[in-house]
């Protein structure tokens, strides 16, 4: 019983540690890069772009490679952290849904980092980037569902 309680306690503390890692990572990025200026430049550059008849989406007029580079760095480090958390959750046999949630998030951030790298290099248009992020979100959800099935089967 105490092993289950200590695993639960560790799992609960991982959430607090993750929030701390998020804050530290965000703070480091604000120190290393002109993040506020890049955000301001990106959002002030957005204009409505037609998707099809009377449907528009906001897209930047000019490229913002540094902005995408900063976001890619965040995504990469965050994905690595979530991968580590997933391994810890598997080691302590955390709840399958919690493991699946973390693993699915890890997949999402890996995909986001990959796509942010491509848009920063000019290989993707903003519209293609948004479309592919929808695909990455779908893959993340599929990974979650498969992880729940595999983990539940392995632990039963």
N, C-alpha and C. Protein backbone atom coordinates (compact mmCIF):
# COMPACT_ATOMS: atom_id res chain seq x y z
N UNK A 1 0.82 -1.20 0.00
CA UNK A 1 0.00 0.00 0.00
C UNK A 1 0.86 1.26 0.00
N UNK A 2 1.98 1.26 0.73
CA UNK A 2 2.81 2.46 0.78
C UNK A 2 3.51 2.70 -0.56
N UNK A 3 3.79 1.62 -1.32
CA UNK A 3 4.39 1.79 -2.64
C UNK A 3 3.42 2.52 -3.56
N UNK A 4 2.15 2.18 -3.47
CA UNK A 4 1.13 2.85 -4.28
C UNK A 4 1.02 4.31 -3.87
N UNK A 5 1.02 4.56 -2.56
CA UNK A 5 0.93 5.95 -2.09
C UNK A 5 2.14 6.77 -2.50
N UNK A 6 3.35 6.17 -2.41
CA UNK A 6 4.55 6.92 -2.79
C UNK A 6 4.56 7.19 -4.30
N UNK A 7 4.06 6.23 -5.11
CA UNK A 7 3.93 6.47 -6.55
C UNK A 7 2.95 7.58 -6.84
N UNK A 8 1.84 7.60 -6.10
CA UNK A 8 0.84 8.65 -6.26
C UNK A 8 1.44 10.01 -5.89
N UNK A 9 2.18 10.02 -4.78
CA UNK A 9 2.81 11.27 -4.34
C UNK A 9 3.81 11.77 -5.38
N UNK A 10 4.63 10.86 -5.91
CA UNK A 10 5.60 11.25 -6.92
C UNK A 10 4.89 11.77 -8.17
N UNK A 11 3.83 11.09 -8.57
CA UNK A 11 3.07 11.52 -9.74
C UNK A 11 2.49 12.92 -9.54
N UNK A 12 1.94 13.16 -8.36
CA UNK A 12 1.38 14.47 -8.05
C UNK A 12 2.48 15.54 -8.05
N UNK A 13 3.64 15.21 -7.52
CA UNK A 13 4.74 16.16 -7.49
C UNK A 13 5.32 16.42 -8.88
N UNK A 14 5.21 15.45 -9.78
CA UNK A 14 5.67 15.67 -11.15
C UNK A 14 4.91 16.82 -11.81
N UNK A 15 3.66 16.97 -11.47
CA UNK A 15 2.87 18.07 -12.02
C UNK A 15 3.44 19.41 -11.56
N UNK A 16 3.76 19.52 -10.28
CA UNK A 16 4.34 20.76 -9.75
C UNK A 16 5.72 21.01 -10.34
N UNK A 17 6.51 19.95 -10.46
CA UNK A 17 7.85 20.09 -11.05
C UNK A 17 7.73 20.52 -12.51
N UNK A 18 6.77 19.96 -13.22
CA UNK A 18 6.58 20.33 -14.63
C UNK A 18 6.24 21.80 -14.77
N UNK A 19 5.40 22.30 -13.89
CA UNK A 19 5.07 23.72 -13.94
C UNK A 19 6.32 24.56 -13.66
N UNK A 20 7.14 24.11 -12.72
CA UNK A 20 8.40 24.80 -12.43
C UNK A 20 9.34 24.78 -13.62
N UNK A 21 9.46 23.62 -14.29
CA UNK A 21 10.31 23.53 -15.49
C UNK A 21 9.78 24.47 -16.57
N UNK A 22 8.47 24.53 -16.74
CA UNK A 22 7.86 25.43 -17.72
C UNK A 22 8.25 26.88 -17.42
N UNK A 23 8.13 27.29 -16.15
CA UNK A 23 8.47 28.67 -15.78
C UNK A 23 9.95 28.97 -15.99
N UNK A 24 10.81 28.03 -15.59
CA UNK A 24 12.25 28.23 -15.77
C UNK A 24 12.59 28.34 -17.26
N UNK A 25 12.03 27.44 -18.06
CA UNK A 25 12.28 27.46 -19.50
C UNK A 25 11.80 28.77 -20.13
N UNK A 26 10.62 29.20 -19.76
CA UNK A 26 10.10 30.46 -20.28
C UNK A 26 10.98 31.64 -19.86
N UNK A 27 11.40 31.65 -18.61
CA UNK A 27 12.28 32.72 -18.12
C UNK A 27 13.61 32.74 -18.85
N UNK A 28 14.18 31.57 -19.08
CA UNK A 28 15.46 31.48 -19.81
C UNK A 28 15.30 32.02 -21.22
N UNK A 29 14.19 31.67 -21.87
CA UNK A 29 13.97 32.17 -23.23
C UNK A 29 13.81 33.69 -23.26
N UNK A 30 13.17 34.25 -22.23
CA UNK A 30 13.05 35.71 -22.15
C UNK A 30 14.42 36.37 -21.93
N UNK A 31 15.31 35.66 -21.24
CA UNK A 31 16.66 36.20 -21.02
C UNK A 31 17.51 36.09 -22.28
N UNK A 32 17.43 34.95 -22.96
CA UNK A 32 18.29 34.69 -24.12
C UNK A 32 17.86 35.42 -25.39
N UNK A 33 16.57 35.63 -25.54
CA UNK A 33 16.04 36.18 -26.79
C UNK A 33 15.16 37.40 -26.51
N UNK A 34 15.01 38.25 -27.52
CA UNK A 34 14.07 39.38 -27.38
C UNK A 34 12.63 38.88 -27.60
N UNK A 35 12.18 38.01 -26.70
CA UNK A 35 10.91 37.30 -26.89
C UNK A 35 9.72 38.25 -26.94
N UNK A 36 9.67 39.22 -26.05
CA UNK A 36 8.54 40.15 -26.04
C UNK A 36 8.46 40.92 -27.36
N UNK A 37 9.60 41.38 -27.86
CA UNK A 37 9.62 42.11 -29.13
C UNK A 37 9.20 41.23 -30.29
N UNK A 38 9.64 39.97 -30.26
CA UNK A 38 9.28 39.03 -31.33
C UNK A 38 7.78 38.73 -31.32
N UNK A 39 7.22 38.54 -30.13
CA UNK A 39 5.77 38.34 -30.02
C UNK A 39 5.03 39.55 -30.57
N UNK A 40 5.46 40.72 -30.15
CA UNK A 40 4.82 41.96 -30.59
C UNK A 40 4.90 42.10 -32.11
N UNK A 41 6.07 41.84 -32.67
CA UNK A 41 6.26 41.97 -34.12
C UNK A 41 5.39 40.95 -34.87
N UNK A 42 5.34 39.73 -34.37
CA UNK A 42 4.55 38.69 -35.02
C UNK A 42 3.07 39.04 -35.01
N UNK A 43 2.54 39.38 -33.84
CA UNK A 43 1.11 39.64 -33.74
C UNK A 43 0.69 40.93 -34.44
N UNK A 44 1.57 41.92 -34.49
CA UNK A 44 1.22 43.15 -35.21
C UNK A 44 1.29 42.95 -36.73
N UNK A 45 1.94 41.88 -37.16
CA UNK A 45 2.11 41.58 -38.58
C UNK A 45 0.97 40.71 -39.13
N UNK A 46 0.08 40.27 -38.26
CA UNK A 46 -1.01 39.39 -38.72
C UNK A 46 -2.04 40.17 -39.52
N UNK A 47 -2.47 39.54 -40.58
CA UNK A 47 -3.53 40.11 -41.41
C UNK A 47 -4.46 38.97 -41.81
N UNK A 48 -5.71 39.30 -42.08
CA UNK A 48 -6.66 38.27 -42.48
C UNK A 48 -6.36 37.83 -43.91
N UNK A 49 -6.21 36.52 -44.06
CA UNK A 49 -5.88 35.92 -45.34
C UNK A 49 -7.03 35.01 -45.75
N UNK A 50 -7.48 35.10 -47.01
CA UNK A 50 -8.61 34.26 -47.41
C UNK A 50 -8.23 32.78 -47.46
N UNK A 51 -9.11 31.96 -46.92
CA UNK A 51 -8.95 30.52 -46.99
C UNK A 51 -9.80 30.00 -48.15
N UNK A 52 -11.07 30.38 -48.15
CA UNK A 52 -11.99 30.17 -49.26
C UNK A 52 -13.15 31.13 -49.07
N UNK A 53 -14.17 31.08 -49.89
CA UNK A 53 -15.27 32.05 -49.90
C UNK A 53 -15.65 32.55 -48.51
N UNK A 54 -15.37 33.80 -48.25
CA UNK A 54 -15.77 34.50 -47.03
C UNK A 54 -15.23 33.86 -45.74
N UNK A 55 -14.20 33.05 -45.84
CA UNK A 55 -13.56 32.45 -44.67
C UNK A 55 -12.10 32.89 -44.67
N UNK A 56 -11.67 33.50 -43.58
CA UNK A 56 -10.33 34.05 -43.47
C UNK A 56 -9.63 33.50 -42.24
N UNK A 57 -8.33 33.52 -42.25
CA UNK A 57 -7.54 33.17 -41.07
C UNK A 57 -6.41 34.18 -40.92
N UNK A 58 -5.96 34.43 -39.70
CA UNK A 58 -4.88 35.40 -39.52
C UNK A 58 -3.54 34.77 -39.90
N UNK A 59 -2.78 35.47 -40.71
CA UNK A 59 -1.46 35.00 -41.13
C UNK A 59 -0.51 36.20 -41.17
N UNK A 60 0.76 35.97 -40.84
CA UNK A 60 1.72 37.08 -40.89
C UNK A 60 2.03 37.45 -42.34
N UNK A 61 2.28 38.74 -42.55
CA UNK A 61 2.62 39.23 -43.89
C UNK A 61 4.06 38.86 -44.23
N UNK A 62 4.95 38.98 -43.26
CA UNK A 62 6.37 38.72 -43.51
C UNK A 62 6.85 37.53 -42.68
N UNK A 63 7.97 36.95 -43.05
CA UNK A 63 8.50 35.81 -42.28
C UNK A 63 9.05 36.28 -40.93
N UNK A 64 9.02 35.41 -39.98
CA UNK A 64 9.53 35.72 -38.64
C UNK A 64 10.41 34.56 -38.18
N UNK A 65 11.57 34.36 -38.82
CA UNK A 65 12.39 33.19 -38.50
C UNK A 65 12.87 33.14 -37.05
N UNK A 66 13.21 34.27 -36.45
CA UNK A 66 13.67 34.25 -35.06
C UNK A 66 12.54 33.84 -34.12
N UNK A 67 11.35 34.34 -34.38
CA UNK A 67 10.18 33.97 -33.57
C UNK A 67 9.96 32.45 -33.62
N UNK A 68 9.98 31.89 -34.83
CA UNK A 68 9.79 30.45 -34.98
C UNK A 68 10.94 29.66 -34.35
N UNK A 69 12.14 30.22 -34.45
CA UNK A 69 13.31 29.57 -33.85
C UNK A 69 13.17 29.49 -32.32
N UNK A 70 12.72 30.58 -31.72
CA UNK A 70 12.51 30.61 -30.27
C UNK A 70 11.46 29.59 -29.87
N UNK A 71 10.35 29.57 -30.60
CA UNK A 71 9.28 28.61 -30.30
C UNK A 71 9.75 27.16 -30.52
N UNK A 72 10.59 26.96 -31.53
CA UNK A 72 11.14 25.62 -31.77
C UNK A 72 12.01 25.18 -30.60
N UNK A 73 12.84 26.08 -30.09
CA UNK A 73 13.68 25.74 -28.95
C UNK A 73 12.84 25.39 -27.73
N UNK A 74 11.79 26.17 -27.49
CA UNK A 74 10.90 25.85 -26.38
C UNK A 74 10.28 24.47 -26.59
N UNK A 75 9.75 24.23 -27.78
CA UNK A 75 9.08 22.96 -28.08
C UNK A 75 10.02 21.77 -27.91
N UNK A 76 11.26 21.92 -28.34
CA UNK A 76 12.23 20.83 -28.23
C UNK A 76 12.52 20.49 -26.77
N UNK A 77 12.82 21.50 -25.99
CA UNK A 77 13.14 21.26 -24.58
C UNK A 77 11.91 20.73 -23.83
N UNK A 78 10.75 21.27 -24.13
CA UNK A 78 9.53 20.82 -23.46
C UNK A 78 9.22 19.36 -23.84
N UNK A 79 9.44 18.99 -25.10
CA UNK A 79 9.23 17.61 -25.53
C UNK A 79 10.18 16.66 -24.81
N UNK A 80 11.42 17.07 -24.65
CA UNK A 80 12.40 16.24 -23.93
C UNK A 80 11.94 16.06 -22.48
N UNK A 81 11.50 17.14 -21.85
CA UNK A 81 11.01 17.05 -20.47
C UNK A 81 9.82 16.09 -20.38
N UNK A 82 8.87 16.23 -21.30
CA UNK A 82 7.70 15.36 -21.26
C UNK A 82 8.07 13.90 -21.53
N UNK A 83 9.08 13.67 -22.35
CA UNK A 83 9.57 12.31 -22.55
C UNK A 83 10.13 11.73 -21.27
N UNK A 84 10.88 12.54 -20.54
CA UNK A 84 11.42 12.10 -19.25
C UNK A 84 10.30 11.83 -18.25
N UNK A 85 9.31 12.69 -18.20
CA UNK A 85 8.17 12.49 -17.30
C UNK A 85 7.43 11.20 -17.67
N UNK A 86 7.27 10.93 -18.96
CA UNK A 86 6.61 9.70 -19.39
C UNK A 86 7.37 8.47 -18.90
N UNK A 87 8.69 8.49 -19.00
CA UNK A 87 9.51 7.37 -18.53
C UNK A 87 9.33 7.19 -17.02
N UNK A 88 9.34 8.29 -16.28
CA UNK A 88 9.14 8.22 -14.83
C UNK A 88 7.75 7.65 -14.52
N UNK A 89 6.74 8.13 -15.24
CA UNK A 89 5.38 7.63 -15.00
C UNK A 89 5.28 6.13 -15.28
N UNK A 90 5.95 5.67 -16.31
CA UNK A 90 5.95 4.23 -16.60
C UNK A 90 6.66 3.46 -15.49
N UNK A 91 7.76 4.02 -14.99
CA UNK A 91 8.54 3.35 -13.94
C UNK A 91 7.75 3.20 -12.65
N UNK A 92 6.94 4.19 -12.32
CA UNK A 92 6.16 4.12 -11.07
C UNK A 92 4.76 3.54 -11.30
N UNK A 93 4.51 3.12 -12.54
CA UNK A 93 3.20 2.55 -12.91
C UNK A 93 2.06 3.50 -12.56
N UNK A 94 2.22 4.73 -13.04
CA UNK A 94 1.19 5.74 -12.87
C UNK A 94 -0.06 5.31 -13.63
N UNK A 95 -1.15 6.01 -13.40
CA UNK A 95 -2.40 5.67 -14.09
C UNK A 95 -2.20 5.71 -15.60
N UNK A 96 -2.73 4.70 -16.31
CA UNK A 96 -2.54 4.64 -17.77
C UNK A 96 -2.99 5.91 -18.50
N UNK A 97 -4.08 6.51 -18.08
CA UNK A 97 -4.55 7.73 -18.75
C UNK A 97 -3.59 8.90 -18.54
N UNK A 98 -2.98 8.96 -17.38
CA UNK A 98 -2.02 10.04 -17.11
C UNK A 98 -0.76 9.83 -17.97
N UNK A 99 -0.29 8.58 -18.05
CA UNK A 99 0.87 8.27 -18.89
C UNK A 99 0.56 8.61 -20.35
N UNK A 100 -0.62 8.20 -20.80
CA UNK A 100 -1.02 8.45 -22.19
C UNK A 100 -1.12 9.95 -22.47
N UNK A 101 -1.65 10.70 -21.52
CA UNK A 101 -1.77 12.16 -21.69
C UNK A 101 -0.38 12.79 -21.86
N UNK A 102 0.54 12.40 -21.00
CA UNK A 102 1.90 12.96 -21.08
C UNK A 102 2.59 12.55 -22.37
N UNK A 103 2.45 11.26 -22.73
CA UNK A 103 3.08 10.78 -23.96
C UNK A 103 2.48 11.48 -25.18
N UNK A 104 1.16 11.65 -25.21
CA UNK A 104 0.52 12.35 -26.32
C UNK A 104 1.00 13.79 -26.43
N UNK A 105 1.16 14.45 -25.28
CA UNK A 105 1.70 15.81 -25.28
C UNK A 105 3.13 15.83 -25.81
N UNK A 106 3.91 14.85 -25.45
CA UNK A 106 5.29 14.75 -25.93
C UNK A 106 5.31 14.63 -27.46
N UNK A 107 4.45 13.79 -28.00
CA UNK A 107 4.35 13.63 -29.46
C UNK A 107 3.97 14.97 -30.11
N UNK A 108 3.01 15.66 -29.51
CA UNK A 108 2.59 16.96 -30.05
C UNK A 108 3.76 17.93 -30.11
N UNK A 109 4.53 18.04 -29.02
CA UNK A 109 5.62 19.02 -28.97
C UNK A 109 6.78 18.62 -29.87
N UNK A 110 7.01 17.33 -30.07
CA UNK A 110 8.03 16.90 -31.04
C UNK A 110 7.61 17.35 -32.45
N UNK A 111 6.34 17.09 -32.78
CA UNK A 111 5.83 17.52 -34.08
C UNK A 111 5.87 19.02 -34.25
N UNK A 112 5.50 19.76 -33.20
CA UNK A 112 5.54 21.22 -33.27
C UNK A 112 6.97 21.72 -33.50
N UNK A 113 7.93 21.13 -32.79
CA UNK A 113 9.33 21.53 -32.96
C UNK A 113 9.80 21.29 -34.39
N UNK A 114 9.43 20.14 -34.94
CA UNK A 114 9.80 19.81 -36.32
C UNK A 114 9.22 20.83 -37.29
N UNK A 115 7.93 21.11 -37.16
CA UNK A 115 7.29 22.05 -38.07
C UNK A 115 7.77 23.48 -37.88
N UNK A 116 8.03 23.87 -36.65
CA UNK A 116 8.58 25.21 -36.40
C UNK A 116 9.96 25.37 -37.03
N UNK A 117 10.74 24.31 -37.01
CA UNK A 117 12.04 24.35 -37.68
C UNK A 117 11.86 24.56 -39.18
N UNK A 118 10.90 23.86 -39.76
CA UNK A 118 10.67 23.97 -41.21
C UNK A 118 10.15 25.35 -41.61
N UNK A 119 9.26 25.93 -40.81
CA UNK A 119 8.75 27.25 -41.17
C UNK A 119 9.83 28.31 -40.94
N UNK A 120 10.67 28.13 -39.92
CA UNK A 120 11.76 29.09 -39.68
C UNK A 120 12.75 29.09 -40.84
N UNK A 121 12.97 27.93 -41.44
CA UNK A 121 13.89 27.83 -42.57
C UNK A 121 13.26 28.24 -43.90
N UNK A 122 11.95 28.51 -43.87
CA UNK A 122 11.26 28.95 -45.08
C UNK A 122 10.76 27.81 -45.95
N UNK A 123 10.75 26.59 -45.43
CA UNK A 123 10.29 25.43 -46.20
C UNK A 123 8.77 25.28 -46.18
N UNK A 124 8.10 25.98 -45.28
CA UNK A 124 6.65 25.90 -45.15
C UNK A 124 6.05 27.30 -45.17
N UNK A 125 4.88 27.41 -45.76
CA UNK A 125 4.12 28.65 -45.64
C UNK A 125 3.35 28.60 -44.31
N UNK A 126 2.84 29.73 -43.87
CA UNK A 126 2.11 29.75 -42.60
C UNK A 126 0.85 28.90 -42.69
N UNK A 127 0.16 28.94 -43.82
CA UNK A 127 -1.05 28.13 -44.00
C UNK A 127 -0.74 26.64 -43.92
N UNK A 128 0.36 26.23 -44.55
CA UNK A 128 0.76 24.82 -44.49
C UNK A 128 1.14 24.44 -43.07
N UNK A 129 1.80 25.35 -42.38
CA UNK A 129 2.18 25.10 -40.99
C UNK A 129 0.93 24.85 -40.13
N UNK A 130 -0.07 25.69 -40.27
CA UNK A 130 -1.31 25.54 -39.50
C UNK A 130 -1.97 24.20 -39.84
N UNK A 131 -2.05 23.86 -41.11
CA UNK A 131 -2.65 22.59 -41.54
C UNK A 131 -1.90 21.41 -40.95
N UNK A 132 -0.59 21.46 -41.00
CA UNK A 132 0.21 20.35 -40.47
C UNK A 132 0.15 20.27 -38.95
N UNK A 133 -0.06 21.41 -38.29
CA UNK A 133 -0.24 21.36 -36.83
C UNK A 133 -1.55 20.65 -36.47
N UNK A 134 -2.55 20.77 -37.32
CA UNK A 134 -3.79 20.03 -37.11
C UNK A 134 -3.52 18.53 -37.24
N UNK A 135 -2.70 18.15 -38.22
CA UNK A 135 -2.31 16.75 -38.39
C UNK A 135 -1.55 16.25 -37.17
N UNK A 136 -0.61 17.06 -36.68
CA UNK A 136 0.17 16.68 -35.49
C UNK A 136 -0.74 16.51 -34.28
N UNK A 137 -1.74 17.37 -34.15
CA UNK A 137 -2.70 17.23 -33.05
C UNK A 137 -3.44 15.91 -33.16
N UNK A 138 -3.86 15.55 -34.35
CA UNK A 138 -4.52 14.26 -34.56
C UNK A 138 -3.61 13.09 -34.22
N UNK A 139 -2.35 13.16 -34.63
CA UNK A 139 -1.40 12.09 -34.30
C UNK A 139 -1.19 11.98 -32.80
N UNK A 140 -1.18 13.12 -32.13
CA UNK A 140 -1.04 13.12 -30.68
C UNK A 140 -2.21 12.42 -30.01
N UNK A 141 -3.41 12.68 -30.50
CA UNK A 141 -4.60 12.03 -29.93
C UNK A 141 -4.60 10.52 -30.20
N UNK A 142 -4.16 10.13 -31.38
CA UNK A 142 -4.04 8.71 -31.70
C UNK A 142 -3.02 8.05 -30.79
N UNK A 143 -1.88 8.73 -30.57
CA UNK A 143 -0.84 8.19 -29.68
C UNK A 143 -1.39 8.01 -28.26
N UNK A 144 -2.19 8.95 -27.80
CA UNK A 144 -2.80 8.82 -26.47
C UNK A 144 -3.67 7.57 -26.38
N UNK A 145 -4.55 7.40 -27.37
CA UNK A 145 -5.46 6.26 -27.34
C UNK A 145 -4.70 4.94 -27.38
N UNK A 146 -3.70 4.86 -28.24
CA UNK A 146 -2.91 3.62 -28.33
C UNK A 146 -2.12 3.37 -27.05
N UNK A 147 -1.61 4.42 -26.46
CA UNK A 147 -0.85 4.27 -25.21
C UNK A 147 -1.73 3.76 -24.09
N UNK A 148 -2.94 4.27 -23.98
CA UNK A 148 -3.86 3.77 -22.94
C UNK A 148 -4.08 2.27 -23.13
N UNK A 149 -4.33 1.86 -24.37
CA UNK A 149 -4.59 0.44 -24.64
C UNK A 149 -3.37 -0.42 -24.29
N UNK A 150 -2.18 0.01 -24.69
CA UNK A 150 -0.97 -0.77 -24.46
C UNK A 150 -0.64 -0.83 -22.97
N UNK A 151 -0.70 0.30 -22.29
CA UNK A 151 -0.34 0.35 -20.88
C UNK A 151 -1.35 -0.43 -20.04
N UNK A 152 -2.64 -0.26 -20.32
CA UNK A 152 -3.64 -1.03 -19.56
C UNK A 152 -3.45 -2.52 -19.75
N UNK A 153 -3.16 -2.94 -20.97
CA UNK A 153 -2.95 -4.36 -21.24
C UNK A 153 -1.69 -4.88 -20.56
N UNK A 154 -0.64 -4.07 -20.56
CA UNK A 154 0.63 -4.48 -19.94
C UNK A 154 0.54 -4.58 -18.43
N UNK A 155 -0.29 -3.74 -17.81
CA UNK A 155 -0.36 -3.72 -16.35
C UNK A 155 -1.46 -4.58 -15.77
N UNK A 156 -2.27 -5.21 -16.61
CA UNK A 156 -3.35 -6.06 -16.10
C UNK A 156 -2.96 -7.51 -16.04
